Amino acid sequence: MKLNKRILIALCAGLLATGTGIGHAYNKRDIGLINHSSDTIENVYISPTSSGIWSVDRLRDSTLRGGHAVLFDFDGSGYTTCHFDVRLDFQSGESREYYDLNFCNVTAIVVTDDDAYTIQ
């Protein structure tokens, strides 16, 4: 299912504004993850691009079902970089990796059944 970029931007903006999962004080490195796929995301790893290793699972004991969103808060994280790699593990066994995303320029990652899109 291909989604119009304007629809995705509106969805992200609405979630940020309404407090539906990802709305609160925004740090320029904070990143929203919107699962608009039919699969559940079980693990999210976000690491600075320069680290070469994956961080701990940011979802911890939670999952992110389709139609839900979360904001990963980097306030006070100590990171000075804007460039991060992201790995998503799905309940189906699929994994996706995205490299060198500039979190200072990207507001959210929207995951669809086809691929993931970054919203600016």
PDB file of N, CA and C in Angstrom:
ATOM      1  N   MET A   1       0.847  -1.176   0.000  1.00  0.00           N
ATOM      2  CA  MET A   1       0.000   0.000   0.000  1.00  0.00           C
ATOM      3  C   MET A   1       0.893   1.240   0.000  1.00  0.00           C
ATOM      4  N   LYS A   2       0.828   2.031  -1.038  1.00  0.00           N
ATOM      5  CA  LYS A   2       1.588   3.274  -1.113  1.00  0.00           C
ATOM      6  C   LYS A   2       0.774   4.389  -0.469  1.00  0.00           C
ATOM      7  N   LEU A   3       1.431   5.138   0.410  1.00  0.00           N
ATOM      8  CA  LEU A   3       0.758   6.234   1.086  1.00  0.00           C
ATOM      9  C   LEU A   3       1.283   7.558   0.556  1.00  0.00           C
ATOM     10  N   ASN A   4       0.417   8.487   0.393  1.00  0.00           N
ATOM     11  CA  ASN A   4       0.779   9.822  -0.020  1.00  0.00           C
ATOM     12  C   ASN A   4       1.601  10.485   1.074  1.00  0.00           C
ATOM     13  N   LYS A   5       2.725  11.114   0.696  1.00  0.00           N
ATOM     14  CA  LYS A   5       3.606  11.738   1.680  1.00  0.00           C
ATOM     15  C   LYS A   5       2.873  12.801   2.501  1.00  0.00           C
ATOM     16  N   ARG A   6       1.953  13.535   1.899  1.00  0.00           N
ATOM     17  CA  ARG A   6       1.193  14.550   2.639  1.00  0.00           C
ATOM     18  C   ARG A   6       0.342  13.917   3.736  1.00  0.00           C
ATOM     19  N   ILE A   7      -0.232  12.753   3.453  1.00  0.00           N
ATOM     20  CA  ILE A   7      -1.027  12.047   4.451  1.00  0.00           C
ATOM     21  C   ILE A   7      -0.138  11.620   5.611  1.00  0.00           C
ATOM     22  N   LEU A   8       1.052  11.114   5.297  1.00  0.00           N
ATOM     23  CA  LEU A   8       1.976  10.693   6.344  1.00  0.00           C
ATOM     24  C   LEU A   8       2.428  11.868   7.197  1.00  0.00           C
ATOM     25  N   ILE A   9       2.702  12.997   6.571  1.00  0.00           N
ATOM     26  CA  ILE A   9       3.097  14.192   7.318  1.00  0.00           C
ATOM     27  C   ILE A   9       1.967  14.636   8.228  1.00  0.00           C
ATOM     28  N   ALA A  10       0.746  14.630   7.714  1.00  0.00           N
ATOM     29  CA  ALA A  10      -0.407  15.028   8.521  1.00  0.00           C
ATOM     30  C   ALA A  10      -0.605  14.063   9.693  1.00  0.00           C
ATOM     31  N   LEU A  11      -0.444  12.770   9.447  1.00  0.00           N
ATOM     32  CA  LEU A  11      -0.577  11.786  10.515  1.00  0.00           C
ATOM     33  C   LEU A  11       0.461  12.034  11.603  1.00  0.00           C
ATOM     34  N   CYS A  12       1.699  12.240  11.193  1.00  0.00           N
ATOM     35  CA  CYS A  12       2.773  12.484  12.161  1.00  0.00           C
ATOM     36  C   CYS A  12       2.511  13.766  12.944  1.00  0.00           C
ATOM     37  N   ALA A  13       2.136  14.818  12.249  1.00  0.00           N
ATOM     38  CA  ALA A  13       1.861  16.094  12.917  1.00  0.00           C
ATOM     39  C   ALA A  13       0.696  15.955  13.890  1.00  0.00           C
ATOM     40  N   GLY A  14      -0.326  15.229  13.489  1.00  0.00           N
ATOM     41  CA  GLY A  14      -1.471  15.017  14.365  1.00  0.00           C
ATOM     42  C   GLY A  14      -1.100  14.240  15.609  1.00  0.00           C
ATOM     43  N   LEU A  15      -0.285  13.214  15.457  1.00  0.00           N
ATOM     44  CA  LEU A  15       0.155  12.440  16.617  1.00  0.00           C
ATOM     45  C   LEU A  15       0.997  13.282  17.549  1.00  0.00           C
ATOM     46  N   LEU A  16       1.876  14.099  16.990  1.00  0.00           N
ATOM     47  CA  LEU A  16       2.713  14.963  17.817  1.00  0.00           C
ATOM     48  C   LEU A  16       1.864  15.981  18.571  1.00  0.00           C
ATOM     49  N   ALA A  17       0.844  16.514  17.917  1.00  0.00           N
ATOM     50  CA  ALA A  17       0.034  17.574  18.512  1.00  0.00           C
ATOM     51  C   ALA A  17      -0.964  17.059  19.548  1.00  0.00           C
ATOM     52  N   THR A  18      -1.475  15.856  19.342  1.00  0.00           N
ATOM     53  CA  THR A  18      -2.560  15.383  20.202  1.00  0.00           C
ATOM     54  C   THR A  18      -2.118  14.560  21.391  1.00  0.00           C
ATOM     55  N   GLY A  19      -0.853  14.185  21.432  1.00  0.00           N
ATOM     56  CA  GLY A  19      -0.399  13.356  22.533  1.00  0.00           C
ATOM     57  C   GLY A  19      -0.739  11.895  22.342  1.00  0.00           C
ATOM     58  N   THR A  20      -1.104  11.485  21.136  1.00  0.00           N
ATOM     59  CA  THR A  20      -1.433  10.101  20.865  1.00  0.00           C
ATOM     60  C   THR A  20      -0.150   9.301  20.688  1.00  0.00           C
ATOM     61  N   GLY A  21       0.458   8.954  21.785  1.00  0.00           N
ATOM     62  CA  GLY A  21       1.633   8.103  21.738  1.00  0.00           C
ATOM     63  C   GLY A  21       2.941   8.847  21.671  1.00  0.00           C
ATOM     64  N   ILE A  22       3.053   9.945  20.908  1.00  0.00           N
ATOM     65  CA  ILE A  22       4.356  10.562  20.774  1.00  0.00           C
ATOM     66  C   ILE A  22       4.378  12.050  21.068  1.00  0.00           C
ATOM     67  N   GLY A  23       3.309  12.626  21.614  1.00  0.00           N
ATOM     68  CA  GLY A  23       3.298  14.067  21.811  1.00  0.00           C
ATOM     69  C   GLY A  23       3.792  14.489  23.189  1.00  0.00           C
ATOM     70  N   HIS A  24       4.901  15.180  23.257  1.00  0.00           N
ATOM     71  CA  HIS A  24       5.363  15.870  24.450  1.00  0.00           C
ATOM     72  C   HIS A  24       6.510  16.772  24.032  1.00  0.00           C
ATOM     73  N   ALA A  25       7.182  17.387  24.961  1.00  0.00           N
ATOM     74  CA  ALA A  25       8.260  18.324  24.621  1.00  0.00           C
ATOM     75  C   ALA A  25       9.223  17.680  23.641  1.00  0.00           C
ATOM     76  N   TYR A  26       9.562  18.395  22.598  1.00  0.00           N
ATOM     77  CA  TYR A  26      10.332  17.842  21.494  1.00  0.00           C
ATOM     78  C   TYR A  26      11.772  18.325  21.526  1.00  0.00           C
ATOM     79  N   ASN A  27      12.709  17.412  21.511  1.00  0.00           N
ATOM     80  CA  ASN A  27      14.133  17.670  21.414  1.00  0.00           C
ATOM     81  C   ASN A  27      14.515  17.447  19.964  1.00  0.00           C
ATOM     82  N   LYS A  28      15.462  18.203  19.418  1.00  0.00           N
ATOM     83  CA  LYS A  28      15.761  18.077  17.990  1.00  0.00           C
ATOM     84  C   LYS A  28      16.234  16.691  17.594  1.00  0.00           C
ATOM     85  N   ARG A  29      16.695  15.882  18.540  1.00  0.00           N
ATOM     86  CA  ARG A  29      17.111  14.517  18.213  1.00  0.00           C
ATOM     87  C   ARG A  29      16.019  13.484  18.502  1.00  0.00           C
ATOM     88  N   ASP A  30      14.930  13.882  19.151  1.00  0.00           N
ATOM     89  CA  ASP A  30      13.847  12.931  19.404  1.00  0.00           C
ATOM     90  C   ASP A  30      13.309  12.433  18.071  1.00  0.00           C
ATOM     91  N   ILE A  31      12.912  11.162  18.043  1.00  0.00           N
ATOM     92  CA  ILE A  31      12.405  10.599  16.793  1.00  0.00           C
ATOM     93  C   ILE A  31      11.131   9.811  17.072  1.00  0.00           C
ATOM     94  N   GLY A  32      10.113  10.071  16.287  1.00  0.00           N
ATOM     95  CA  GLY A  32       8.873   9.315  16.388  1.00  0.00           C
ATOM     96  C   GLY A  32       8.945   8.091  15.495  1.00  0.00           C
ATOM     97  N   LEU A  33       8.301   7.040  15.917  1.00  0.00           N
ATOM     98  CA  LEU A  33       8.173   5.825  15.112  1.00  0.00           C
ATOM     99  C   LEU A  33       6.693   5.518  15.003  1.00  0.00           C
ATOM    100  N   ILE A  34       6.187   5.560  13.791  1.00  0.00           N
ATOM    101  CA  ILE A  34       4.775   5.309  13.530  1.00  0.00           C
ATOM    102  C   ILE A  34       4.678   3.994  12.763  1.00  0.00           C
ATOM    103  N   ASN A  35       4.027   3.012  13.360  1.00  0.00           N
ATOM    104  CA  ASN A  35       3.877   1.713  12.710  1.00  0.00           C
ATOM    105  C   ASN A  35       2.568   1.699  11.934  1.00  0.00           C
ATOM    106  N   HIS A  36       2.694   1.905  10.648  1.00  0.00           N
ATOM    107  CA  HIS A  36       1.523   1.905   9.774  1.00  0.00           C
ATOM    108  C   HIS A  36       1.517   0.635   8.924  1.00  0.00           C
ATOM    109  N   SER A  37       2.143  -0.424   9.484  1.00  0.00           N
ATOM    110  CA  SER A  37       2.170  -1.710   8.796  1.00  0.00           C
ATOM    111  C   SER A  37       1.178  -2.658   9.448  1.00  0.00           C
ATOM    112  N   SER A  38       1.030  -3.826   8.870  1.00  0.00           N
ATOM    113  CA  SER A  38       0.133  -4.834   9.450  1.00  0.00           C
ATOM    114  C   SER A  38       0.873  -5.755  10.418  1.00  0.00           C
ATOM    115  N   ASP A  39       2.170  -5.547  10.603  1.00  0.00           N
ATOM    116  CA  ASP A  39       2.990  -6.377  11.476  1.00  0.00           C
ATOM    117  C   ASP A  39       3.325  -5.621  12.763  1.00  0.00           C
ATOM    118  N   THR A  40       3.563  -6.343  13.820  1.00  0.00           N
ATOM    119  CA  THR A  40       3.936  -5.755  15.105  1.00  0.00           C
ATOM    120  C   THR A  40       5.460  -5.646  15.193  1.00  0.00           C
ATOM    121  N   ILE A  41       5.931  -4.484  15.624  1.00  0.00           N
ATOM    122  CA  ILE A  41       7.362  -4.298  15.836  1.00  0.00           C
ATOM    123  C   ILE A  41       7.675  -4.756  17.258  1.00  0.00           C
ATOM    124  N   GLU A  42       8.614  -5.677  17.379  1.00  0.00           N
ATOM    125  CA  GLU A  42       8.964  -6.227  18.692  1.00  0.00           C
ATOM    126  C   GLU A  42      10.202  -5.583  19.297  1.00  0.00           C
ATOM    127  N   ASN A  43      11.138  -5.158  18.454  1.00  0.00           N
ATOM    128  CA  ASN A  43      12.383  -4.573  18.948  1.00  0.00           C
ATOM    129  C   ASN A  43      12.761  -3.376  18.098  1.00  0.00           C
ATOM    130  N   VAL A  44      13.272  -2.335  18.765  1.00  0.00           N
ATOM    131  CA  VAL A  44      13.782  -1.147  18.083  1.00  0.00           C
ATOM    132  C   VAL A  44      15.162  -0.845  18.667  1.00  0.00           C
ATOM    133  N   TYR A  45      16.148  -0.835  17.801  1.00  0.00           N
ATOM    134  CA  TYR A  45      17.508  -0.516  18.219  1.00  0.00           C
ATOM    135  C   TYR A  45      17.917   0.771  17.514  1.00  0.00           C
ATOM    136  N   ILE A  46      18.371   1.746  18.267  1.00  0.00           N
ATOM    137  CA  ILE A  46      18.802   3.034  17.723  1.00  0.00           C
ATOM    138  C   ILE A  46      20.179   3.328  18.285  1.00  0.00           C
ATOM    139  N   SER A  47      21.148   3.489  17.395  1.00  0.00           N
ATOM    140  CA  SER A  47      22.525   3.735  17.815  1.00  0.00           C
ATOM    141  C   SER A  47      23.150   4.823  16.962  1.00  0.00           C
ATOM    142  N   PRO A  48      24.064   5.596  17.543  1.00  0.00           N
ATOM    143  CA  PRO A  48      24.794   6.563  16.718  1.00  0.00           C
ATOM    144  C   PRO A  48      25.481   5.839  15.563  1.00  0.00           C
ATOM    145  N   THR A  49      25.438   6.418  14.393  1.00  0.00           N
ATOM    146  CA  THR A  49      26.030   5.806  13.210  1.00  0.00           C
ATOM    147  C   THR A  49      27.489   5.433  13.443  1.00  0.00           C
ATOM    148  N   SER A  50      28.200   6.248  14.173  1.00  0.00           N
ATOM    149  CA  SER A  50      29.629   6.027  14.383  1.00  0.00           C
ATOM    150  C   SER A  50      29.938   4.899  15.362  1.00  0.00           C
ATOM    151  N   SER A  51      28.933   4.368  16.083  1.00  0.00           N
ATOM    152  CA  SER A  51      29.210   3.397  17.142  1.00  0.00           C
ATOM    153  C   SER A  51      29.551   2.005  16.611  1.00  0.00           C
ATOM    154  N   GLY A  52      28.925   1.611  15.511  1.00  0.00           N
ATOM    155  CA  GLY A  52      29.192   0.291  14.952  1.00  0.00           C
ATOM    156  C   GLY A  52      28.523  -0.862  15.691  1.00  0.00           C
ATOM    157  N   ILE A  53      27.759  -0.580  16.754  1.00  0.00           N
ATOM    158  CA  ILE A  53      27.030  -1.623  17.482  1.00  0.00           C
ATOM    159  C   ILE A  53      25.605  -1.150  17.739  1.00  0.00           C
ATOM    160  N   TRP A  54      24.697  -2.096  17.953  1.00  0.00           N
ATOM    161  CA  TRP A  54      23.315  -1.750  18.251  1.00  0.00           C
ATOM    162  C   TRP A  54      23.151  -1.502  19.742  1.00  0.00           C
ATOM    163  N   SER A  55      22.326  -0.531  20.073  1.00  0.00           N
ATOM    164  CA  SER A  55      22.001  -0.222  21.472  1.00  0.00           C
ATOM    165  C   SER A  55      21.069  -1.283  22.024  1.00  0.00           C
ATOM    166  N   VAL A  56      20.627  -1.090  23.253  1.00  0.00           N
ATOM    167  CA  VAL A  56      19.616  -1.967  23.841  1.00  0.00           C
ATOM    168  C   VAL A  56      18.278  -1.716  23.143  1.00  0.00           C
ATOM    169  N   ASP A  57      17.372  -2.660  23.279  1.00  0.00           N
ATOM    170  CA  ASP A  57      16.040  -2.541  22.689  1.00  0.00           C
ATOM    171  C   ASP A  57      15.299  -1.373  23.331  1.00  0.00           C
ATOM    172  N   ARG A  58      14.942  -0.379  22.537  1.00  0.00           N
ATOM    173  CA  ARG A  58      14.274   0.818  23.075  1.00  0.00           C
ATOM    174  C   ARG A  58      12.819   0.563  23.440  1.00  0.00           C
ATOM    175  N   LEU A  59      12.225  -0.505  22.936  1.00  0.00           N
ATOM    176  CA  LEU A  59      10.846  -0.834  23.325  1.00  0.00           C
ATOM    177  C   LEU A  59      10.808  -1.598  24.644  1.00  0.00           C
ATOM    178  N   ARG A  60      11.950  -2.099  25.069  1.00  0.00           N
ATOM    179  CA  ARG A  60      12.072  -2.902  26.297  1.00  0.00           C
ATOM    180  C   ARG A  60      11.104  -4.068  26.255  1.00  0.00           C
ATOM    181  N   ASP A  61      10.144  -4.113  27.149  1.00  0.00           N
ATOM    182  CA  ASP A  61       9.196  -5.231  27.212  1.00  0.00           C
ATOM    183  C   ASP A  61       7.922  -4.959  26.418  1.00  0.00           C
ATOM    184  N   SER A  62       7.878  -3.854  25.692  1.00  0.00           N
ATOM    185  CA  SER A  62       6.683  -3.482  24.940  1.00  0.00           C
ATOM    186  C   SER A  62       6.809  -3.909  23.480  1.00  0.00           C
ATOM    187  N   THR A  63       5.714  -3.767  22.763  1.00  0.00           N
ATOM    188  CA  THR A  63       5.696  -3.939  21.312  1.00  0.00           C
ATOM    189  C   THR A  63       4.970  -2.740  20.714  1.00  0.00           C
ATOM    190  N   LEU A  64       5.090  -2.588  19.414  1.00  0.00           N
ATOM    191  CA  LEU A  64       4.417  -1.486  18.721  1.00  0.00           C
ATOM    192  C   LEU A  64       3.561  -2.083  17.609  1.00  0.00           C
ATOM    193  N   ARG A  65       2.264  -2.204  17.887  1.00  0.00           N
ATOM    194  CA  ARG A  65       1.329  -2.772  16.916  1.00  0.00           C
ATOM    195  C   ARG A  65       1.058  -1.793  15.783  1.00  0.00           C
ATOM    196  N   GLY A  66       0.562  -2.317  14.690  1.00  0.00           N
ATOM    197  CA  GLY A  66       0.159  -1.485  13.565  1.00  0.00           C
ATOM    198  C   GLY A  66      -0.863  -0.454  14.008  1.00  0.00           C
ATOM    199  N   GLY A  67      -0.717   0.773  13.523  1.00  0.00           N
ATOM    200  CA  GLY A  67      -1.626   1.848  13.884  1.00  0.00           C
ATOM    201  C   GLY A  67      -1.227   2.596  15.138  1.00  0.00           C
ATOM    202  N   HIS A  68      -0.119   2.234  15.751  1.00  0.00           N
ATOM    203  CA  HIS A  68       0.343   2.892  16.969  1.00  0.00           C
ATOM    204  C   HIS A  68       1.666   3.609  16.725  1.00  0.00           C
ATOM    205  N   ALA A  69       2.002   4.510  17.636  1.00  0.00           N
ATOM    206  CA  ALA A  69       3.218   5.314  17.496  1.00  0.00           C
ATOM    207  C   ALA A  69       3.884   5.491  18.851  1.00  0.00           C
ATOM    208  N   VAL A  70       5.160   5.832  18.806  1.00  0.00           N
ATOM    209  CA  VAL A  70       5.927   6.080  20.020  1.00  0.00           C
ATOM    210  C   VAL A  70       6.968   7.150  19.710  1.00  0.00           C
ATOM    211  N   LEU A  71       7.335   7.917  20.724  1.00  0.00           N
ATOM    212  CA  LEU A  71       8.414   8.900  20.589  1.00  0.00           C
ATOM    213  C   LEU A  71       9.583   8.434  21.428  1.00  0.00           C
ATOM    214  N   PHE A  72      10.746   8.360  20.825  1.00  0.00           N
ATOM    215  CA  PHE A  72      11.953   8.024  21.555  1.00  0.00           C
ATOM    216  C   PHE A  72      12.628   9.326  21.945  1.00  0.00           C
ATOM    217  N   ASP A  73      12.733   9.529  23.237  1.00  0.00           N
ATOM    218  CA  ASP A  73      13.217  10.770  23.822  1.00  0.00           C
ATOM    219  C   ASP A  73      14.725  10.704  24.025  1.00  0.00           C
ATOM    220  N   PHE A  74      15.445  11.586  23.371  1.00  0.00           N
ATOM    221  CA  PHE A  74      16.895  11.640  23.506  1.00  0.00           C
ATOM    222  C   PHE A  74      17.340  12.796  24.384  1.00  0.00           C
ATOM    223  N   ASP A  75      16.395  13.459  25.054  1.00  0.00           N
ATOM    224  CA  ASP A  75      16.732  14.561  25.941  1.00  0.00           C
ATOM    225  C   ASP A  75      17.591  14.035  27.090  1.00  0.00           C
ATOM    226  N   GLY A  76      18.734  14.636  27.286  1.00  0.00           N
ATOM    227  CA  GLY A  76      19.632  14.208  28.352  1.00  0.00           C
ATOM    228  C   GLY A  76      20.385  12.927  28.049  1.00  0.00           C
ATOM    229  N   SER A  77      20.362  12.496  26.789  1.00  0.00           N
ATOM    230  CA  SER A  77      21.016  11.241  26.423  1.00  0.00           C
ATOM    231  C   SER A  77      22.528  11.366  26.350  1.00  0.00           C
ATOM    232  N   GLY A  78      23.006  12.598  26.229  1.00  0.00           N
ATOM    233  CA  GLY A  78      24.446  12.815  26.101  1.00  0.00           C
ATOM    234  C   GLY A  78      24.949  12.717  24.672  1.00  0.00           C
ATOM    235  N   TYR A  79      24.073  12.374  23.738  1.00  0.00           N
ATOM    236  CA  TYR A  79      24.496  12.286  22.341  1.00  0.00           C
ATOM    237  C   TYR A  79      24.760  13.678  21.779  1.00  0.00           C
ATOM    238  N   THR A  80      25.848  13.819  21.059  1.00  0.00           N
ATOM    239  CA  THR A  80      26.156  15.080  20.398  1.00  0.00           C
ATOM    240  C   THR A  80      25.982  14.968  18.893  1.00  0.00           C
ATOM    241  N   THR A  81      25.723  13.777  18.400  1.00  0.00           N
ATOM    242  CA  THR A  81      25.553  13.545  16.974  1.00  0.00           C
ATOM    243  C   THR A  81      24.080  13.641  16.587  1.00  0.00           C
ATOM    244  N   CYS A  82      23.848  13.874  15.317  1.00  0.00           N
ATOM    245  CA  CYS A  82      22.488  13.835  14.777  1.00  0.00           C
ATOM    246  C   CYS A  82      22.262  12.567  13.952  1.00  0.00           C
ATOM    247  N   HIS A  83      23.315  11.825  13.670  1.00  0.00           N
ATOM    248  CA  HIS A  83      23.251  10.693  12.741  1.00  0.00           C
ATOM    249  C   HIS A  83      23.149   9.365  13.483  1.00  0.00           C
ATOM    250  N   PHE A  84      22.059   8.640  13.182  1.00  0.00           N
ATOM    251  CA  PHE A  84      21.763   7.394  13.873  1.00  0.00           C
ATOM    252  C   PHE A  84      21.399   6.296  12.887  1.00  0.00           C
ATOM    253  N   ASP A  85      21.649   5.058  13.288  1.00  0.00           N
ATOM    254  CA  ASP A  85      21.201   3.874  12.570  1.00  0.00           C
ATOM    255  C   ASP A  85      20.030   3.283  13.350  1.00  0.00           C
ATOM    256  N   VAL A  86      19.078   2.699  12.628  1.00  0.00           N
ATOM    257  CA  VAL A  86      17.879   2.143  13.264  1.00  0.00           C
ATOM    258  C   VAL A  86      17.662   0.727  12.749  1.00  0.00           C
ATOM    259  N   ARG A  87      17.397  -0.178  13.670  1.00  0.00           N
ATOM    260  CA  ARG A  87      17.037  -1.554  13.304  1.00  0.00           C
ATOM    261  C   ARG A  87      15.683  -1.866  13.925  1.00  0.00           C
ATOM    262  N   LEU A  88      14.785  -2.420  13.103  1.00  0.00           N
ATOM    263  CA  LEU A  88      13.455  -2.812  13.554  1.00  0.00           C
ATOM    264  C   LEU A  88      13.302  -4.313  13.366  1.00  0.00           C
ATOM    265  N   ASP A  89      12.890  -5.021  14.418  1.00  0.00           N
ATOM    266  CA  ASP A  89      12.596  -6.448  14.331  1.00  0.00           C
ATOM    267  C   ASP A  89      11.092  -6.633  14.473  1.00  0.00           C
ATOM    268  N   PHE A  90      10.506  -7.366  13.532  1.00  0.00           N
ATOM    269  CA  PHE A  90       9.062  -7.568  13.496  1.00  0.00           C
ATOM    270  C   PHE A  90       8.689  -8.944  14.033  1.00  0.00           C
ATOM    271  N   GLN A  91       7.442  -9.053  14.473  1.00  0.00           N
ATOM    272  CA  GLN A  91       6.905 -10.307  14.992  1.00  0.00           C
ATOM    273  C   GLN A  91       6.993 -11.423  13.947  1.00  0.00           C
ATOM    274  N   SER A  92       6.889 -11.084  12.667  1.00  0.00           N
ATOM    275  CA  SER A  92       6.935 -12.062  11.582  1.00  0.00           C
ATOM    276  C   SER A  92       8.333 -12.634  11.366  1.00  0.00           C
ATOM    277  N   GLY A  93       9.345 -12.034  12.002  1.00  0.00           N
ATOM    278  CA  GLY A  93      10.721 -12.471  11.809  1.00  0.00           C
ATOM    279  C   GLY A  93      11.515 -11.558  10.889  1.00  0.00           C
ATOM    280  N   GLU A  94      10.841 -10.643  10.200  1.00  0.00           N
ATOM    281  CA  GLU A  94      11.507  -9.693   9.319  1.00  0.00           C
ATOM    282  C   GLU A  94      12.282  -8.670  10.145  1.00  0.00           C
ATOM    283  N   SER A  95      13.413  -8.226   9.629  1.00  0.00           N
ATOM    284  CA  SER A  95      14.172  -7.126  10.222  1.00  0.00           C
ATOM    285  C   SER A  95      14.452  -6.107   9.137  1.00  0.00           C
ATOM    286  N   ARG A  96      14.451  -4.852   9.523  1.00  0.00           N
ATOM    287  CA  ARG A  96      14.811  -3.761   8.604  1.00  0.00           C
ATOM    288  C   ARG A  96      15.855  -2.896   9.283  1.00  0.00           C
ATOM    289  N   GLU A  97      16.828  -2.460   8.502  1.00  0.00           N
ATOM    290  CA  GLU A  97      17.870  -1.585   9.029  1.00  0.00           C
ATOM    291  C   GLU A  97      17.968  -0.338   8.155  1.00  0.00           C
ATOM    292  N   TYR A  98      18.095   0.800   8.810  1.00  0.00           N
ATOM    293  CA  TYR A  98      18.212   2.086   8.133  1.00  0.00           C
ATOM    294  C   TYR A  98      19.442   2.779   8.694  1.00  0.00           C
ATOM    295  N   TYR A  99      20.293   3.221   7.804  1.00  0.00           N
ATOM    296  CA  TYR A  99      21.589   3.750   8.210  1.00  0.00           C
ATOM    297  C   TYR A  99      21.703   5.246   7.976  1.00  0.00           C
ATOM    298  N   ASP A 100      22.418   5.899   8.876  1.00  0.00           N
ATOM    299  CA  ASP A 100      22.799   7.302   8.763  1.00  0.00           C
ATOM    300  C   ASP A 100      21.597   8.232   8.585  1.00  0.00           C
ATOM    301  N   LEU A 101      20.571   8.022   9.416  1.00  0.00           N
ATOM    302  CA  LEU A 101      19.424   8.929   9.416  1.00  0.00           C
ATOM    303  C   LEU A 101      19.780  10.158  10.243  1.00  0.00           C
ATOM    304  N   ASN A 102      19.504  11.333   9.716  1.00  0.00           N
ATOM    305  CA  ASN A 102      19.814  12.576  10.421  1.00  0.00           C
ATOM    306  C   ASN A 102      18.618  12.956  11.292  1.00  0.00           C
ATOM    307  N   PHE A 103      18.682  12.617  12.584  1.00  0.00           N
ATOM    308  CA  PHE A 103      17.574  12.872  13.497  1.00  0.00           C
ATOM    309  C   PHE A 103      17.354  14.363  13.742  1.00  0.00           C
ATOM    310  N   CYS A 104      18.318  15.198  13.419  1.00  0.00           N
ATOM    311  CA  CYS A 104      18.120  16.641  13.572  1.00  0.00           C
ATOM    312  C   CYS A 104      17.248  17.198  12.452  1.00  0.00           C
ATOM    313  N   ASN A 105      17.093  16.445  11.362  1.00  0.00           N
ATOM    314  CA  ASN A 105      16.278  16.878  10.226  1.00  0.00           C
ATOM    315  C   ASN A 105      15.033  16.023  10.021  1.00  0.00           C
ATOM    316  N   VAL A 106      14.921  14.904  10.714  1.00  0.00           N
ATOM    317  CA  VAL A 106      13.810  13.971  10.543  1.00  0.00           C
ATOM    318  C   VAL A 106      12.967  13.967  11.815  1.00  0.00           C
ATOM    319  N   THR A 107      11.675  14.063  11.668  1.00  0.00           N
ATOM    320  CA  THR A 107      10.757  14.070  12.800  1.00  0.00           C
ATOM    321  C   THR A 107      10.312  12.665  13.183  1.00  0.00           C
ATOM    322  N   ALA A 108      10.066  11.825  12.174  1.00  0.00           N
ATOM    323  CA  ALA A 108       9.545  10.491  12.454  1.00  0.00           C
ATOM    324  C   ALA A 108       9.893   9.528  11.337  1.00  0.00           C
ATOM    325  N   ILE A 109       9.884   8.272  11.694  1.00  0.00           N
ATOM    326  CA  ILE A 109       9.999   7.188  10.731  1.00  0.00           C
ATOM    327  C   ILE A 109       8.625   6.541  10.675  1.00  0.00           C
ATOM    328  N   VAL A 110       8.059   6.478   9.490  1.00  0.00           N
ATOM    329  CA  VAL A 110       6.759   5.846   9.309  1.00  0.00           C
ATOM    330  C   VAL A 110       6.980   4.516   8.613  1.00  0.00           C
ATOM    331  N   VAL A 111       6.579   3.449   9.259  1.00  0.00           N
ATOM    332  CA  VAL A 111       6.787   2.104   8.743  1.00  0.00           C
ATOM    333  C   VAL A 111       5.507   1.637   8.057  1.00  0.00           C
ATOM    334  N   THR A 112       5.643   1.164   6.827  1.00  0.00           N
ATOM    335  CA  THR A 112       4.513   0.620   6.083  1.00  0.00           C
ATOM    336  C   THR A 112       4.836  -0.817   5.710  1.00  0.00           C
ATOM    337  N   ASP A 113       3.891  -1.498   5.113  1.00  0.00           N
ATOM    338  CA  ASP A 113       4.150  -2.867   4.681  1.00  0.00           C
ATOM    339  C   ASP A 113       5.174  -2.916   3.553  1.00  0.00           C
ATOM    340  N   ASP A 114       5.273  -1.848   2.776  1.00  0.00           N
ATOM    341  CA  ASP A 114       6.202  -1.809   1.647  1.00  0.00           C
ATOM    342  C   ASP A 114       7.615  -1.412   2.063  1.00  0.00           C
ATOM    343  N   ASP A 115       7.748  -0.457   2.943  1.00  0.00           N
ATOM    344  CA  ASP A 115       9.048   0.107   3.279  1.00  0.00           C
ATOM    345  C   ASP A 115       8.859   1.078   4.444  1.00  0.00           C
ATOM    346  N   ALA A 116       9.885   1.818   4.778  1.00  0.00           N
ATOM    347  CA  ALA A 116       9.760   2.860   5.794  1.00  0.00           C
ATOM    348  C   ALA A 116      10.079   4.191   5.140  1.00  0.00           C
ATOM    349  N   TYR A 117       9.398   5.217   5.555  1.00  0.00           N
ATOM    350  CA  TYR A 117       9.604   6.551   5.028  1.00  0.00           C
ATOM    351  C   TYR A 117      10.029   7.464   6.163  1.00  0.00           C
ATOM    352  N   THR A 118      10.878   8.392   5.890  1.00  0.00           N
ATOM    353  CA  THR A 118      11.196   9.389   6.896  1.00  0.00           C
ATOM    354  C   THR A 118      10.387  10.636   6.587  1.00  0.00           C
ATOM    355  N   ILE A 119       9.909  11.276   7.609  1.00  0.00           N
ATOM    356  CA  ILE A 119       9.095  12.474   7.465  1.00  0.00           C
ATOM    357  C   ILE A 119       9.936  13.657   7.924  1.00  0.00           C
ATOM    358  N   GLN A 120       9.977  14.672   7.088  1.00  0.00           N
ATOM    359  CA  GLN A 120      10.749  15.870   7.463  1.00  0.00           C
ATOM    360  C   GLN A 120       9.843  17.006   7.808  1.00  0.00           C
TER     361      GLN A 120
END
